[in-house]
Amino acid sequence: MQGLGLQSIKKNPALIPLYVCVAAGAAGAVYYMLRLATRNPDVTWNRSTNPEPWQEYKNKQYKFYSPIRDYSKTKSPAPNYED
């Protein structure tokens, strides 16, 4: 395909910022997808060792960033089903 090879970058150096921005966006999307797959309590990879993974986040801060409130000091309103 014309315009996607190394030869076209050498002919048109103005395309380099475009390739850098597209690569950075793709890398950011992959990073965020992996972060959601590994850190999200809604995703369960191994149900035999941890059948209720959402209980781990009962008293932890789940939001990525919150400048107003510290969620680690608030009590979770979620019901306790272990009893």
PDB file of N, CA and C in Angstrom:
ATOM      1  N   MET A   1       0.846  -1.185   0.000  1.00  0.00           N
ATOM      2  CA  MET A   1       0.000   0.000   0.000  1.00  0.00           C
ATOM      3  C   MET A   1       0.886   1.241   0.000  1.00  0.00           C
ATOM      4  N   GLN A   2       0.513   2.144  -0.822  1.00  0.00           N
ATOM      5  CA  GLN A   2       1.283   3.360  -0.949  1.00  0.00           C
ATOM      6  C   GLN A   2       1.030   4.267   0.256  1.00  0.00           C
ATOM      7  N   GLY A   3       2.086   4.774   0.842  1.00  0.00           N
ATOM      8  CA  GLY A   3       1.965   5.688   1.957  1.00  0.00           C
ATOM      9  C   GLY A   3       2.157   5.057   3.320  1.00  0.00           C
ATOM     10  N   LEU A   4       2.270   3.727   3.372  1.00  0.00           N
ATOM     11  CA  LEU A   4       2.412   3.071   4.668  1.00  0.00           C
ATOM     12  C   LEU A   4       3.786   2.457   4.878  1.00  0.00           C
ATOM     13  N   GLY A   5       4.667   2.564   3.919  1.00  0.00           N
ATOM     14  CA  GLY A   5       5.975   1.934   4.019  1.00  0.00           C
ATOM     15  C   GLY A   5       7.049   2.913   4.444  1.00  0.00           C
ATOM     16  N   LEU A   6       8.237   2.371   4.627  1.00  0.00           N
ATOM     17  CA  LEU A   6       9.379   3.186   5.028  1.00  0.00           C
ATOM     18  C   LEU A   6       9.815   4.111   3.895  1.00  0.00           C
ATOM     19  N   GLN A   7       9.621   3.670   2.661  1.00  0.00           N
ATOM     20  CA  GLN A   7       9.989   4.500   1.512  1.00  0.00           C
ATOM     21  C   GLN A   7       9.147   5.780   1.456  1.00  0.00           C
ATOM     22  N   SER A   8       7.859   5.662   1.767  1.00  0.00           N
ATOM     23  CA  SER A   8       7.009   6.857   1.718  1.00  0.00           C
ATOM     24  C   SER A   8       7.329   7.817   2.858  1.00  0.00           C
ATOM     25  N   ILE A   9       7.787   7.287   3.983  1.00  0.00           N
ATOM     26  CA  ILE A   9       8.189   8.176   5.082  1.00  0.00           C
ATOM     27  C   ILE A   9       9.447   8.951   4.694  1.00  0.00           C
ATOM     28  N   LYS A  10      10.348   8.286   3.984  1.00  0.00           N
ATOM     29  CA  LYS A  10      11.551   8.982   3.531  1.00  0.00           C
ATOM     30  C   LYS A  10      11.213  10.056   2.493  1.00  0.00           C
ATOM     31  N   LYS A  11      10.216   9.793   1.651  1.00  0.00           N
ATOM     32  CA  LYS A  11       9.812  10.788   0.651  1.00  0.00           C
ATOM     33  C   LYS A  11       9.005  11.925   1.273  1.00  0.00           C
ATOM     34  N   ASN A  12       8.173  11.600   2.267  1.00  0.00           N
ATOM     35  CA  ASN A  12       7.309  12.597   2.922  1.00  0.00           C
ATOM     36  C   ASN A  12       7.577  12.614   4.422  1.00  0.00           C
ATOM     37  N   PRO A  13       8.586  13.347   4.881  1.00  0.00           N
ATOM     38  CA  PRO A  13       8.876  13.361   6.320  1.00  0.00           C
ATOM     39  C   PRO A  13       7.789  14.047   7.146  1.00  0.00           C
ATOM     40  N   ALA A  14       6.865  14.713   6.499  1.00  0.00           N
ATOM     41  CA  ALA A  14       5.766  15.351   7.234  1.00  0.00           C
ATOM     42  C   ALA A  14       4.790  14.319   7.788  1.00  0.00           C
ATOM     43  N   LEU A  15       4.869  13.076   7.322  1.00  0.00           N
ATOM     44  CA  LEU A  15       3.997  12.017   7.838  1.00  0.00           C
ATOM     45  C   LEU A  15       4.467  11.444   9.176  1.00  0.00           C
ATOM     46  N   ILE A  16       5.674  11.750   9.587  1.00  0.00           N
ATOM     47  CA  ILE A  16       6.222  11.192  10.826  1.00  0.00           C
ATOM     48  C   ILE A  16       5.372  11.566  12.040  1.00  0.00           C
ATOM     49  N   PRO A  17       4.941  12.821  12.227  1.00  0.00           N
ATOM     50  CA  PRO A  17       4.079  13.119  13.384  1.00  0.00           C
ATOM     51  C   PRO A  17       2.755  12.365  13.352  1.00  0.00           C
ATOM     52  N   LEU A  18       2.230  12.128  12.159  1.00  0.00           N
ATOM     53  CA  LEU A  18       0.993  11.365  12.045  1.00  0.00           C
ATOM     54  C   LEU A  18       1.200   9.937  12.540  1.00  0.00           C
ATOM     55  N   TYR A  19       2.286   9.300  12.104  1.00  0.00           N
ATOM     56  CA  TYR A  19       2.582   7.943  12.554  1.00  0.00           C
ATOM     57  C   TYR A  19       2.840   7.887  14.060  1.00  0.00           C
ATOM     58  N   VAL A  20       3.507   8.904  14.601  1.00  0.00           N
ATOM     59  CA  VAL A  20       3.787   8.944  16.047  1.00  0.00           C
ATOM     60  C   VAL A  20       2.490   9.085  16.837  1.00  0.00           C
ATOM     61  N   CYS A  21       1.595   9.947  16.386  1.00  0.00           N
ATOM     62  CA  CYS A  21       0.319  10.130  17.096  1.00  0.00           C
ATOM     63  C   CYS A  21      -0.550   8.883  17.028  1.00  0.00           C
ATOM     64  N   VAL A  22      -0.597   8.234  15.876  1.00  0.00           N
ATOM     65  CA  VAL A  22      -1.386   7.010  15.741  1.00  0.00           C
ATOM     66  C   VAL A  22      -0.798   5.906  16.615  1.00  0.00           C
ATOM     67  N   ALA A  23       0.529   5.774  16.631  1.00  0.00           N
ATOM     68  CA  ALA A  23       1.175   4.754  17.458  1.00  0.00           C
ATOM     69  C   ALA A  23       0.959   5.030  18.949  1.00  0.00           C
ATOM     70  N   ALA A  24       1.032   6.299  19.362  1.00  0.00           N
ATOM     71  CA  ALA A  24       0.798   6.639  20.770  1.00  0.00           C
ATOM     72  C   ALA A  24      -0.648   6.363  21.161  1.00  0.00           C
ATOM     73  N   GLY A  25      -1.586   6.666  20.297  1.00  0.00           N
ATOM     74  CA  GLY A  25      -2.994   6.378  20.578  1.00  0.00           C
ATOM     75  C   GLY A  25      -3.255   4.888  20.680  1.00  0.00           C
ATOM     76  N   ALA A  26      -2.650   4.101  19.780  1.00  0.00           N
ATOM     77  CA  ALA A  26      -2.827   2.644  19.836  1.00  0.00           C
ATOM     78  C   ALA A  26      -2.194   2.068  21.099  1.00  0.00           C
ATOM     79  N   ALA A  27      -1.017   2.566  21.466  1.00  0.00           N
ATOM     80  CA  ALA A  27      -0.367   2.083  22.688  1.00  0.00           C
ATOM     81  C   ALA A  27      -1.188   2.449  23.924  1.00  0.00           C
ATOM     82  N   GLY A  28      -1.764   3.641  23.951  1.00  0.00           N
ATOM     83  CA  GLY A  28      -2.612   4.035  25.073  1.00  0.00           C
ATOM     84  C   GLY A  28      -3.867   3.192  25.168  1.00  0.00           C
ATOM     85  N   ALA A  29      -4.447   2.858  24.024  1.00  0.00           N
ATOM     86  CA  ALA A  29      -5.641   2.011  24.029  1.00  0.00           C
ATOM     87  C   ALA A  29      -5.325   0.605  24.521  1.00  0.00           C
ATOM     88  N   VAL A  30      -4.195   0.068  24.111  1.00  0.00           N
ATOM     89  CA  VAL A  30      -3.789  -1.274  24.570  1.00  0.00           C
ATOM     90  C   VAL A  30      -3.490  -1.253  26.056  1.00  0.00           C
ATOM     91  N   TYR A  31      -2.807  -0.206  26.533  1.00  0.00           N
ATOM     92  CA  TYR A  31      -2.518  -0.103  27.963  1.00  0.00           C
ATOM     93  C   TYR A  31      -3.803  -0.032  28.782  1.00  0.00           C
ATOM     94  N   TYR A  32      -4.761   0.776  28.349  1.00  0.00           N
ATOM     95  CA  TYR A  32      -6.005   0.923  29.100  1.00  0.00           C
ATOM     96  C   TYR A  32      -6.818  -0.368  29.085  1.00  0.00           C
ATOM     97  N   MET A  33      -6.808  -1.079  27.955  1.00  0.00           N
ATOM     98  CA  MET A  33      -7.514  -2.351  27.883  1.00  0.00           C
ATOM     99  C   MET A  33      -6.884  -3.380  28.829  1.00  0.00           C
ATOM    100  N   LEU A  34      -5.555  -3.433  28.870  1.00  0.00           N
ATOM    101  CA  LEU A  34      -4.888  -4.356  29.794  1.00  0.00           C
ATOM    102  C   LEU A  34      -5.115  -3.963  31.242  1.00  0.00           C
ATOM    103  N   ARG A  35      -5.153  -2.660  31.519  1.00  0.00           N
ATOM    104  CA  ARG A  35      -5.421  -2.205  32.883  1.00  0.00           C
ATOM    105  C   ARG A  35      -6.830  -2.606  33.320  1.00  0.00           C
ATOM    106  N   LEU A  36      -7.806  -2.442  32.432  1.00  0.00           N
ATOM    107  CA  LEU A  36      -9.162  -2.853  32.765  1.00  0.00           C
ATOM    108  C   LEU A  36      -9.263  -4.366  32.946  1.00  0.00           C
ATOM    109  N   ALA A  37      -8.538  -5.114  32.143  1.00  0.00           N
ATOM    110  CA  ALA A  37      -8.610  -6.572  32.222  1.00  0.00           C
ATOM    111  C   ALA A  37      -7.957  -7.103  33.486  1.00  0.00           C
ATOM    112  N   THR A  38      -6.980  -6.387  34.038  1.00  0.00           N
ATOM    113  CA  THR A  38      -6.279  -6.897  35.220  1.00  0.00           C
ATOM    114  C   THR A  38      -6.736  -6.254  36.522  1.00  0.00           C
ATOM    115  N   ARG A  39      -7.243  -5.038  36.485  1.00  0.00           N
ATOM    116  CA  ARG A  39      -7.579  -4.315  37.719  1.00  0.00           C
ATOM    117  C   ARG A  39      -9.067  -4.195  37.998  1.00  0.00           C
ATOM    118  N   ASN A  40      -9.910  -4.452  37.044  1.00  0.00           N
ATOM    119  CA  ASN A  40     -11.340  -4.262  37.202  1.00  0.00           C
ATOM    120  C   ASN A  40     -11.946  -5.405  38.019  1.00  0.00           C
ATOM    121  N   PRO A  41     -12.717  -5.111  39.054  1.00  0.00           N
ATOM    122  CA  PRO A  41     -13.312  -6.194  39.847  1.00  0.00           C
ATOM    123  C   PRO A  41     -14.435  -6.923  39.110  1.00  0.00           C
ATOM    124  N   ASP A  42     -14.911  -6.382  37.997  1.00  0.00           N
ATOM    125  CA  ASP A  42     -15.945  -7.065  37.229  1.00  0.00           C
ATOM    126  C   ASP A  42     -15.387  -8.199  36.372  1.00  0.00           C
ATOM    127  N   VAL A  43     -14.070  -8.226  36.169  1.00  0.00           N
ATOM    128  CA  VAL A  43     -13.440  -9.244  35.337  1.00  0.00           C
ATOM    129  C   VAL A  43     -12.859 -10.320  36.236  1.00  0.00           C
ATOM    130  N   THR A  44     -13.210 -11.562  35.977  1.00  0.00           N
ATOM    131  CA  THR A  44     -12.706 -12.684  36.761  1.00  0.00           C
ATOM    132  C   THR A  44     -11.932 -13.614  35.843  1.00  0.00           C
ATOM    133  N   TRP A  45     -10.659 -13.823  36.149  1.00  0.00           N
ATOM    134  CA  TRP A  45      -9.830 -14.710  35.341  1.00  0.00           C
ATOM    135  C   TRP A  45      -9.809 -16.119  35.906  1.00  0.00           C
ATOM    136  N   ASN A  46      -9.891 -16.267  37.225  1.00  0.00           N
ATOM    137  CA  ASN A  46      -9.810 -17.583  37.839  1.00  0.00           C
ATOM    138  C   ASN A  46     -10.864 -17.656  38.938  1.00  0.00           C
ATOM    139  N   ARG A  47     -11.980 -18.267  38.643  1.00  0.00           N
ATOM    140  CA  ARG A  47     -13.080 -18.314  39.609  1.00  0.00           C
ATOM    141  C   ARG A  47     -12.860 -19.361  40.686  1.00  0.00           C
ATOM    142  N   SER A  48     -11.969 -20.320  40.476  1.00  0.00           N
ATOM    143  CA  SER A  48     -11.792 -21.376  41.470  1.00  0.00           C
ATOM    144  C   SER A  48     -11.043 -20.876  42.707  1.00  0.00           C
ATOM    145  N   THR A  49     -10.053 -19.992  42.525  1.00  0.00           N
ATOM    146  CA  THR A  49      -9.303 -19.496  43.680  1.00  0.00           C
ATOM    147  C   THR A  49      -9.969 -18.301  44.346  1.00  0.00           C
ATOM    148  N   ASN A  50     -10.734 -17.521  43.580  1.00  0.00           N
ATOM    149  CA  ASN A  50     -11.380 -16.337  44.129  1.00  0.00           C
ATOM    150  C   ASN A  50     -12.799 -16.240  43.561  1.00  0.00           C
ATOM    151  N   PRO A  51     -13.770 -16.887  44.186  1.00  0.00           N
ATOM    152  CA  PRO A  51     -15.115 -16.907  43.597  1.00  0.00           C
ATOM    153  C   PRO A  51     -15.846 -15.566  43.670  1.00  0.00           C
ATOM    154  N   GLU A  52     -15.473 -14.698  44.574  1.00  0.00           N
ATOM    155  CA  GLU A  52     -16.107 -13.376  44.693  1.00  0.00           C
ATOM    156  C   GLU A  52     -15.038 -12.286  44.670  1.00  0.00           C
ATOM    157  N   PRO A  53     -14.523 -11.918  43.491  1.00  0.00           N
ATOM    158  CA  PRO A  53     -13.432 -10.939  43.430  1.00  0.00           C
ATOM    159  C   PRO A  53     -13.863  -9.527  43.793  1.00  0.00           C
ATOM    160  N   TRP A  54     -15.158  -9.237  43.732  1.00  0.00           N
ATOM    161  CA  TRP A  54     -15.619  -7.878  44.045  1.00  0.00           C
ATOM    162  C   TRP A  54     -15.503  -7.579  45.531  1.00  0.00           C
ATOM    163  N   GLN A  55     -15.366  -8.607  46.372  1.00  0.00           N
ATOM    164  CA  GLN A  55     -15.211  -8.371  47.807  1.00  0.00           C
ATOM    165  C   GLN A  55     -13.839  -7.787  48.143  1.00  0.00           C
ATOM    166  N   GLU A  56     -12.856  -7.970  47.262  1.00  0.00           N
ATOM    167  CA  GLU A  56     -11.532  -7.388  47.506  1.00  0.00           C
ATOM    168  C   GLU A  56     -11.577  -5.867  47.451  1.00  0.00           C
ATOM    169  N   TYR A  57     -12.479  -5.314  46.674  1.00  0.00           N
ATOM    170  CA  TYR A  57     -12.562  -3.869  46.491  1.00  0.00           C
ATOM    171  C   TYR A  57     -13.603  -3.223  47.390  1.00  0.00           C
ATOM    172  N   LYS A  58     -14.008  -3.917  48.419  1.00  0.00           N
ATOM    173  CA  LYS A  58     -15.062  -3.377  49.275  1.00  0.00           C
ATOM    174  C   LYS A  58     -14.603  -2.118  50.009  1.00  0.00           C
ATOM    175  N   ASN A  59     -13.381  -2.106  50.499  1.00  0.00           N
ATOM    176  CA  ASN A  59     -12.879  -0.950  51.246  1.00  0.00           C
ATOM    177  C   ASN A  59     -11.686  -0.287  50.558  1.00  0.00           C
ATOM    178  N   LYS A  60     -11.521  -0.498  49.271  1.00  0.00           N
ATOM    179  CA  LYS A  60     -10.427   0.113  48.532  1.00  0.00           C
ATOM    180  C   LYS A  60     -10.956   1.215  47.631  1.00  0.00           C
ATOM    181  N   GLN A  61     -10.043   2.119  47.251  1.00  0.00           N
ATOM    182  CA  GLN A  61     -10.409   3.172  46.320  1.00  0.00           C
ATOM    183  C   GLN A  61     -10.430   2.583  44.921  1.00  0.00           C
ATOM    184  N   TYR A  62     -11.571   2.616  44.295  1.00  0.00           N
ATOM    185  CA  TYR A  62     -11.736   2.030  42.972  1.00  0.00           C
ATOM    186  C   TYR A  62     -11.545   3.056  41.858  1.00  0.00           C
ATOM    187  N   LYS A  63     -11.863   4.303  42.130  1.00  0.00           N
ATOM    188  CA  LYS A  63     -11.729   5.326  41.099  1.00  0.00           C
ATOM    189  C   LYS A  63     -10.253   5.572  40.812  1.00  0.00           C
ATOM    190  N   PHE A  64      -9.967   5.876  39.546  1.00  0.00           N
ATOM    191  CA  PHE A  64      -8.590   6.106  39.127  1.00  0.00           C
ATOM    192  C   PHE A  64      -8.014   7.366  39.779  1.00  0.00           C
ATOM    193  N   TYR A  65      -8.788   8.436  39.827  1.00  0.00           N
ATOM    194  CA  TYR A  65      -8.326   9.691  40.402  1.00  0.00           C
ATOM    195  C   TYR A  65      -9.523  10.458  40.937  1.00  0.00           C
ATOM    196  N   SER A  66      -9.434  10.899  42.168  1.00  0.00           N
ATOM    197  CA  SER A  66     -10.495  11.693  42.752  1.00  0.00           C
ATOM    198  C   SER A  66      -9.867  12.783  43.631  1.00  0.00           C
ATOM    199  N   PRO A  67      -9.856  14.031  43.158  1.00  0.00           N
ATOM    200  CA  PRO A  67      -9.226  15.087  43.956  1.00  0.00           C
ATOM    201  C   PRO A  67     -10.085  15.548  45.129  1.00  0.00           C
ATOM    202  N   ILE A  68     -11.360  15.236  45.124  1.00  0.00           N
ATOM    203  CA  ILE A  68     -12.263  15.753  46.141  1.00  0.00           C
ATOM    204  C   ILE A  68     -12.358  14.832  47.355  1.00  0.00           C
ATOM    205  N   ARG A  69     -12.477  13.537  47.125  1.00  0.00           N
ATOM    206  CA  ARG A  69     -12.816  12.604  48.196  1.00  0.00           C
ATOM    207  C   ARG A  69     -11.817  11.461  48.253  1.00  0.00           C
ATOM    208  N   ASP A  70     -11.500  11.029  49.469  1.00  0.00           N
ATOM    209  CA  ASP A  70     -10.650   9.862  49.674  1.00  0.00           C
ATOM    210  C   ASP A  70     -11.552   8.672  49.972  1.00  0.00           C
ATOM    211  N   TYR A  71     -11.688   7.795  49.006  1.00  0.00           N
ATOM    212  CA  TYR A  71     -12.617   6.676  49.139  1.00  0.00           C
ATOM    213  C   TYR A  71     -12.092   5.570  50.040  1.00  0.00           C
ATOM    214  N   SER A  72     -10.820   5.604  50.404  1.00  0.00           N
ATOM    215  CA  SER A  72     -10.293   4.560  51.269  1.00  0.00           C
ATOM    216  C   SER A  72     -10.776   4.727  52.715  1.00  0.00           C
ATOM    217  N   LYS A  73     -11.268   5.904  53.068  1.00  0.00           N
ATOM    218  CA  LYS A  73     -11.730   6.141  54.446  1.00  0.00           C
ATOM    219  C   LYS A  73     -13.249   6.023  54.587  1.00  0.00           C
ATOM    220  N   THR A  74     -13.959   5.876  53.500  1.00  0.00           N
ATOM    221  CA  THR A  74     -15.411   5.753  53.589  1.00  0.00           C
ATOM    222  C   THR A  74     -15.810   4.291  53.648  1.00  0.00           C
ATOM    223  N   LYS A  75     -16.908   4.030  54.348  1.00  0.00           N
ATOM    224  CA  LYS A  75     -17.400   2.669  54.464  1.00  0.00           C
ATOM    225  C   LYS A  75     -18.238   2.330  53.236  1.00  0.00           C
ATOM    226  N   SER A  76     -18.059   1.136  52.740  1.00  0.00           N
ATOM    227  CA  SER A  76     -18.764   0.712  51.550  1.00  0.00           C
ATOM    228  C   SER A  76     -20.229   0.397  51.867  1.00  0.00           C
ATOM    229  N   PRO A  77     -21.167   0.887  51.041  1.00  0.00           N
ATOM    230  CA  PRO A  77     -22.581   0.583  51.278  1.00  0.00           C
ATOM    231  C   PRO A  77     -23.000  -0.793  50.747  1.00  0.00           C
ATOM    232  N   ALA A  78     -22.052  -1.554  50.213  1.00  0.00           N
ATOM    233  CA  ALA A  78     -22.393  -2.860  49.649  1.00  0.00           C
ATOM    234  C   ALA A  78     -22.754  -3.837  50.757  1.00  0.00           C
ATOM    235  N   PRO A  79     -23.751  -4.672  50.540  1.00  0.00           N
ATOM    236  CA  PRO A  79     -24.128  -5.644  51.557  1.00  0.00           C
ATOM    237  C   PRO A  79     -23.092  -6.771  51.693  1.00  0.00           C
ATOM    238  N   ASN A  80     -23.031  -7.366  52.850  1.00  0.00           N
ATOM    239  CA  ASN A  80     -22.098  -8.451  53.108  1.00  0.00           C
ATOM    240  C   ASN A  80     -22.850  -9.781  52.983  1.00  0.00           C
ATOM    241  N   TYR A  81     -22.528 -10.548  51.971  1.00  0.00           N
ATOM    242  CA  TYR A  81     -23.209 -11.805  51.715  1.00  0.00           C
ATOM    243  C   TYR A  81     -22.507 -13.012  52.323  1.00  0.00           C
ATOM    244  N   GLU A  82     -21.375 -12.781  52.993  1.00  0.00           N
ATOM    245  CA  GLU A  82     -20.625 -13.890  53.562  1.00  0.00           C
ATOM    246  C   GLU A  82     -21.254 -14.440  54.833  1.00  0.00           C
ATOM    247  N   ASP A  83     -22.042 -13.660  55.512  1.00  0.00           N
ATOM    248  CA  ASP A  83     -22.654 -14.110  56.776  1.00  0.00           C
ATOM    249  C   ASP A  83     -23.845 -14.991  56.550  1.00  0.00           C
TER     250      ASP A  83
END
